[in-house]
Structures are given as C-alpha cells and as structure tokens.
Protein backbone atom coordinates (compact mmCIF):
# COMPACT_ATOMS: atom_id res chain seq x y z
CA UNK A 1 -4.90 -40.96 68.33
CA UNK A 2 -3.72 -43.11 66.27
CA UNK A 3 -1.09 -45.73 68.20
CA UNK A 4 3.04 -45.56 66.68
CA UNK A 5 5.39 -48.46 67.16
CA UNK A 6 5.08 -50.80 64.03
CA UNK A 7 4.95 -54.22 64.66
CA UNK A 8 5.99 -55.77 61.49
CA UNK A 9 9.11 -56.15 62.72
CA UNK A 10 10.43 -58.74 65.20
CA UNK A 11 7.06 -58.52 66.44
CA UNK A 12 7.86 -61.59 69.24
CA UNK A 13 11.27 -60.10 70.78
CA UNK A 14 9.74 -56.81 71.43
CA UNK A 15 6.33 -57.11 72.83
CA UNK A 16 8.35 -60.28 75.01
CA UNK A 17 10.60 -57.27 76.12
CA UNK A 18 7.83 -54.67 76.19
CA UNK A 19 5.99 -56.88 78.83
CA UNK A 20 8.90 -58.30 80.49
CA UNK A 21 9.95 -54.65 80.90
CA UNK A 22 6.72 -53.49 81.93
CA UNK A 23 6.50 -56.75 84.88
CA UNK A 24 9.85 -55.58 86.26
CA UNK A 25 8.92 -52.22 86.30
CA UNK A 26 6.06 -53.24 88.57
CA UNK A 27 8.10 -55.56 90.86
CA UNK A 28 10.67 -52.49 91.10
CA UNK A 29 8.27 -50.32 91.88
CA UNK A 30 7.26 -52.36 94.92
CA UNK A 31 10.37 -53.30 95.83
CA UNK A 32 10.98 -49.49 96.68
CA UNK A 33 7.65 -48.75 98.49
CA UNK A 34 8.04 -51.63 101.00
CA UNK A 35 11.25 -49.97 101.58
CA UNK A 36 9.79 -47.23 103.02
CA UNK A 37 13.26 -45.33 102.40
CA UNK A 38 12.03 -42.63 99.72
CA UNK A 39 10.51 -42.82 96.31
CA UNK A 40 11.10 -41.56 92.66
CA UNK A 41 8.89 -38.18 92.95
CA UNK A 42 5.97 -39.56 90.44
CA UNK A 43 5.33 -42.21 92.71
CA UNK A 44 5.53 -40.23 95.58
CA UNK A 45 2.66 -38.55 94.28
CA UNK A 46 1.35 -41.94 93.14
CA UNK A 47 1.60 -42.68 97.03
CA UNK A 48 0.52 -39.48 98.42
CA UNK A 49 -2.66 -39.83 96.56
CA UNK A 50 -3.24 -43.18 97.60
CA UNK A 51 -3.00 -42.43 100.91
CA UNK A 52 -6.14 -39.35 100.61
CA UNK A 53 -8.16 -41.12 98.79
CA UNK A 54 -7.71 -44.94 100.00
CA UNK A 55 -7.28 -46.44 96.62
CA UNK A 56 -4.52 -48.57 96.19
CA UNK A 57 -1.31 -47.46 94.79
CA UNK A 58 -1.85 -49.40 91.68
CA UNK A 59 -5.56 -47.81 90.95
CA UNK A 60 -3.44 -44.36 91.19
CA UNK A 61 -0.87 -45.13 89.24
CA UNK A 62 -3.24 -46.69 86.25
CA UNK A 63 -5.36 -43.51 86.66
CA UNK A 64 -2.88 -40.91 86.64
CA UNK A 65 -1.45 -42.29 83.62
CA UNK A 66 -4.57 -42.48 82.23
CA UNK A 67 -5.28 -38.80 83.12
CA UNK A 68 -1.54 -37.72 81.74
CA UNK A 69 -2.59 -39.06 78.75
CA UNK A 70 -5.52 -37.30 77.83
CA UNK A 71 -3.13 -34.64 78.20
CA UNK A 72 -1.32 -35.60 75.16
CA UNK A 73 -4.02 -34.79 72.75
CA UNK A 74 -3.46 -30.73 72.77
CA UNK A 75 -0.01 -31.75 72.54
CA UNK A 76 -0.52 -33.46 69.42
CA UNK A 77 1.26 -36.54 70.91
CA UNK A 78 0.66 -39.98 69.52
CA UNK A 79 0.43 -43.26 71.73
CA UNK A 80 2.48 -46.36 70.78
CA UNK A 81 1.25 -50.11 72.20
CA UNK A 82 4.17 -49.91 74.95
CA UNK A 83 2.15 -46.37 76.13
CA UNK A 84 -1.19 -47.87 76.68
CA UNK A 85 0.19 -51.06 78.08
CA UNK A 86 2.52 -48.75 80.45
CA UNK A 87 -0.72 -47.36 82.15
CA UNK A 88 -2.31 -50.51 82.71
CA UNK A 89 0.61 -53.00 83.20
CA UNK A 90 2.30 -51.37 85.46
CA UNK A 91 -0.24 -50.78 88.36
CA UNK A 92 -1.76 -54.18 88.25
CA UNK A 93 1.78 -55.77 88.75
CA UNK A 94 2.88 -53.16 91.40
CA UNK A 95 -0.62 -53.94 93.38
CA UNK A 96 0.46 -57.31 93.21
CA UNK A 97 3.15 -57.67 93.99
CA UNK A 98 2.68 -55.50 96.97
CA UNK A 99 0.20 -58.04 98.36
CA UNK A 100 2.73 -60.53 98.43
CA UNK A 101 5.65 -58.56 100.13
CA UNK A 102 5.77 -57.88 104.30
CA UNK A 103 5.39 -54.42 105.60
CA UNK A 104 8.15 -53.51 107.87
CA UNK A 105 11.42 -55.18 108.70
CA UNK A 106 15.39 -54.91 110.02
CA UNK A 107 16.87 -51.69 108.25
CA UNK A 108 19.30 -53.74 106.04
CA UNK A 109 16.70 -55.97 104.46
CA UNK A 110 14.81 -52.68 103.57
CA UNK A 111 18.01 -51.25 102.38
CA UNK A 112 18.25 -54.37 100.02
CA UNK A 113 15.01 -53.61 98.86
CA UNK A 114 15.68 -50.59 97.82
CA UNK A 115 19.06 -51.02 96.16
CA UNK A 116 17.61 -54.08 94.17
CA UNK A 117 14.55 -51.92 93.33
CA UNK A 118 16.62 -49.09 92.16
CA UNK A 119 19.05 -51.87 89.95
CA UNK A 120 15.55 -53.53 88.51
CA UNK A 121 13.74 -50.46 87.70
CA UNK A 122 16.92 -49.55 85.41
CA UNK A 123 17.22 -52.62 83.90
CA UNK A 124 13.23 -52.65 83.36
CA UNK A 125 13.52 -49.11 82.01
CA UNK A 126 15.90 -50.45 79.03
CA UNK A 127 14.16 -53.45 78.48
CA UNK A 128 10.93 -51.13 77.74
CA UNK A 129 12.89 -48.71 75.71
CA UNK A 130 14.50 -50.99 73.89
CA UNK A 131 11.42 -52.53 72.65
CA UNK A 132 10.64 -49.02 70.65
CA UNK A 133 6.80 -49.58 71.46
CA UNK A 134 6.32 -46.30 72.33
CA UNK A 135 6.94 -43.23 75.33
CA UNK A 136 5.09 -43.83 78.97
CA UNK A 137 2.36 -41.08 79.68
CA UNK A 138 4.35 -38.97 81.45
CA UNK A 139 7.53 -39.39 79.27
CA UNK A 140 5.44 -38.04 76.16
CA UNK A 141 3.79 -34.94 78.64
CA UNK A 142 7.58 -33.75 78.71
CA UNK A 143 8.55 -34.50 75.39
CA UNK A 144 5.32 -33.24 73.93
CA UNK A 145 5.37 -29.78 75.88
CA UNK A 146 8.97 -29.58 74.76
CA UNK A 147 7.89 -29.85 71.17
CA UNK A 148 5.60 -27.57 71.27
CA UNK A 149 8.20 -25.11 73.31
CA UNK A 150 11.27 -25.60 71.12
CA UNK A 151 13.04 -23.04 73.48
CA UNK A 152 12.63 -24.86 76.66
CA UNK A 153 15.42 -27.90 77.40
CA UNK A 154 14.03 -31.34 78.52
CA UNK A 155 16.02 -30.81 81.13
CA UNK A 156 14.59 -28.21 82.64
CA UNK A 157 10.66 -29.06 81.79
CA UNK A 158 11.76 -32.55 83.35
CA UNK A 159 13.12 -30.96 86.53
CA UNK A 160 9.88 -28.13 86.68
CA UNK A 161 7.44 -31.40 86.57
CA UNK A 162 9.32 -33.56 88.74
CA UNK A 163 9.59 -31.23 91.48
CA UNK A 164 6.17 -30.08 91.21
CA UNK A 165 4.67 -33.33 91.74
CA UNK A 166 7.72 -34.36 94.31
CA UNK A 167 6.45 -31.39 96.23
CA UNK A 168 2.63 -32.52 95.76
CA UNK A 169 3.24 -36.26 96.78
CA UNK A 170 5.57 -34.94 99.98
CA UNK A 171 2.18 -32.47 100.90
CA UNK A 172 -0.04 -35.58 100.29
CA UNK A 173 2.29 -37.74 102.58
CA UNK A 174 4.02 -39.50 100.30
CA UNK A 175 7.70 -40.75 101.15
CA UNK A 176 10.62 -38.77 100.65
CA UNK A 177 13.92 -40.08 101.80
CA UNK A 178 17.78 -41.87 101.07
CA UNK A 179 15.49 -43.66 98.31
CA UNK A 180 14.15 -40.68 96.41
CA UNK A 181 17.74 -39.35 96.44
CA UNK A 182 19.42 -42.94 95.62
CA UNK A 183 17.16 -43.21 92.81
CA UNK A 184 17.92 -39.62 91.06
CA UNK A 185 21.40 -40.18 90.68
CA UNK A 186 21.50 -43.41 90.12
CA UNK A 187 18.55 -44.56 87.18
CA UNK A 188 20.26 -42.35 84.94
CA UNK A 189 24.19 -44.44 84.63
CA UNK A 190 21.74 -47.42 84.76
CA UNK A 191 19.75 -46.94 82.12
CA UNK A 192 23.09 -45.70 80.21
CA UNK A 193 24.16 -49.28 81.37
CA UNK A 194 21.35 -51.61 80.08
CA UNK A 195 20.10 -49.97 76.90
CA UNK A 196 22.93 -50.75 75.16
CA UNK A 197 22.51 -54.41 75.76
CA UNK A 198 18.69 -54.99 74.89
CA UNK A 199 17.95 -52.26 72.56
CA UNK A 200 16.26 -54.10 69.38
CA UNK A 201 17.97 -53.25 66.40
CA UNK A 202 15.36 -52.88 63.49
CA UNK A 203 16.40 -53.73 59.59
CA UNK A 204 16.41 -50.93 57.64
CA UNK A 205 16.56 -48.01 60.70
CA UNK A 206 20.51 -47.68 60.56
CA UNK A 207 20.42 -47.88 64.18
CA UNK A 208 20.60 -50.46 67.02
CA UNK A 209 19.54 -48.71 69.74
CA UNK A 210 16.44 -46.04 70.36
CA UNK A 211 17.20 -43.30 69.24
CA UNK A 212 17.35 -40.25 71.10
CA UNK A 213 16.75 -42.51 74.44
CA UNK A 214 20.16 -44.26 74.08
CA UNK A 215 21.77 -40.87 73.89
CA UNK A 216 20.09 -39.25 76.63
CA UNK A 217 19.22 -42.21 79.30
CA UNK A 218 19.70 -39.37 82.05
CA UNK A 219 16.13 -38.45 81.02
CA UNK A 220 15.00 -41.11 83.03
CA UNK A 221 11.28 -41.10 84.81
CA UNK A 222 9.85 -42.90 87.75
CA UNK A 223 6.29 -44.36 86.85
CA UNK A 224 7.46 -44.52 83.29
CA UNK A 225 10.67 -45.65 81.83
CA UNK A 226 12.98 -43.21 80.62
CA UNK A 227 12.47 -39.78 80.41
CA UNK A 228 13.82 -38.53 77.00
CA UNK A 229 11.27 -40.48 76.94
CA UNK A 230 10.99 -44.12 77.13
CA UNK A 231 11.46 -45.63 74.14
C-alpha cells in the first residue's frame, strides 16, 4: 500500500503538529486509564486484552492497530505517514506515561485526571487531524467499509464497531464507567472546537480545514483521533 499525505507543502509545521498530537494523545489515554473511571470503547478493548494476555497496554494498542491496518488491504485503503505513526507512537507514549503516573488516589484527583485526559484527547485529535497526513488505522477501517458499502452510514458503521469492541473489552475486564459516557458526549464537541484552531491550510487546496472531518468532528474515535476519520 502506497502512503498518502504529500509532505511537499509545509512539512515542518505538519510533521511537528502530527507528532505533538500523537504524543499528547498517548498521554491523554494514560490519564484516563489512571483515573480508573472508564475508558473509550477501543481502550476498554485494549485494556481487556492487556489483562488477558499480560502484555502492556501500549503493546496491545500497537498490536491491535497493526492488525486493523492489515484489514485495510481488502478495503483498498491507503495509509498515510500519520497512519503508520499512529500505530507506533501512541502505544509507546501511553506505556511511558503510565510508568510515571501513580495508581489510585482520592476520587477528586481521579476525576481531575479523567477531565484533563478527555480535554487533552480532544486537543490531540485536532492536532493530529489538522496535520492532514492520513487517518488512524481504526478510522480507516470504518471509512473503508463505508466506501465499499455506500448504502451504510458512517454513524451506523461507527456505532456497530464501537459497541462491538466495547462489549468485548468489558467481557475481557476492561473498565467501563462514567469516563466512557463522558468521553462519548464530550469528544465530538471538543474536536469541533479545536480543529479550526490548528488545521493546517495547504496552498492550492482551497480550504483551511481537513475536509469532511471538519464537517463531522463528532466522528471521532479512541485510540485514533477522529473518526470520520482522522485527518
């Protein structure tokens, strides 16, 4: 699969923003994990697999991302630099951050971690999307399926995928709770707020925002920044 994401335009700004977004995304995931108040659907699944296999959360995140990326082949999706970087960088950062953050703590501290994590996740999503260097693997799976089945809406496909991974993650022991609901309600509006602030305008494209994502920021997903796709 050939990579998408032309770097001839504003490469320094876009690469810096891409990796800043991915690092912040990994940190935000770790904050939500340490809150122990619930995770987004994909991270519930990652946490459940981590507990089942004994592998670190980050290692599972990388492994699942790589496997999902393989599913792009029959869907004829093309990854970007942001796609490949998403698979690797977020998993490494979340493990490094978890190693630094203590577990437990008073409820007030855990709520603060959750709120900070969700807001940081929204900002990270916008940074990553705004770099316009390719969707995350989970996002591409969803949009690729919709492209192959034009009669299916993104909302329906996203819901089916996320309910499935949430249920599997919960059965495997992943944390479902207040944070899961808070993330679902907040991530769309947060992405909608942050994307216009950081989207990189590319000369000759006629727009200053990453196309359909800017029009549908509520399509955001965990583990990868937005979900109507992610950049």
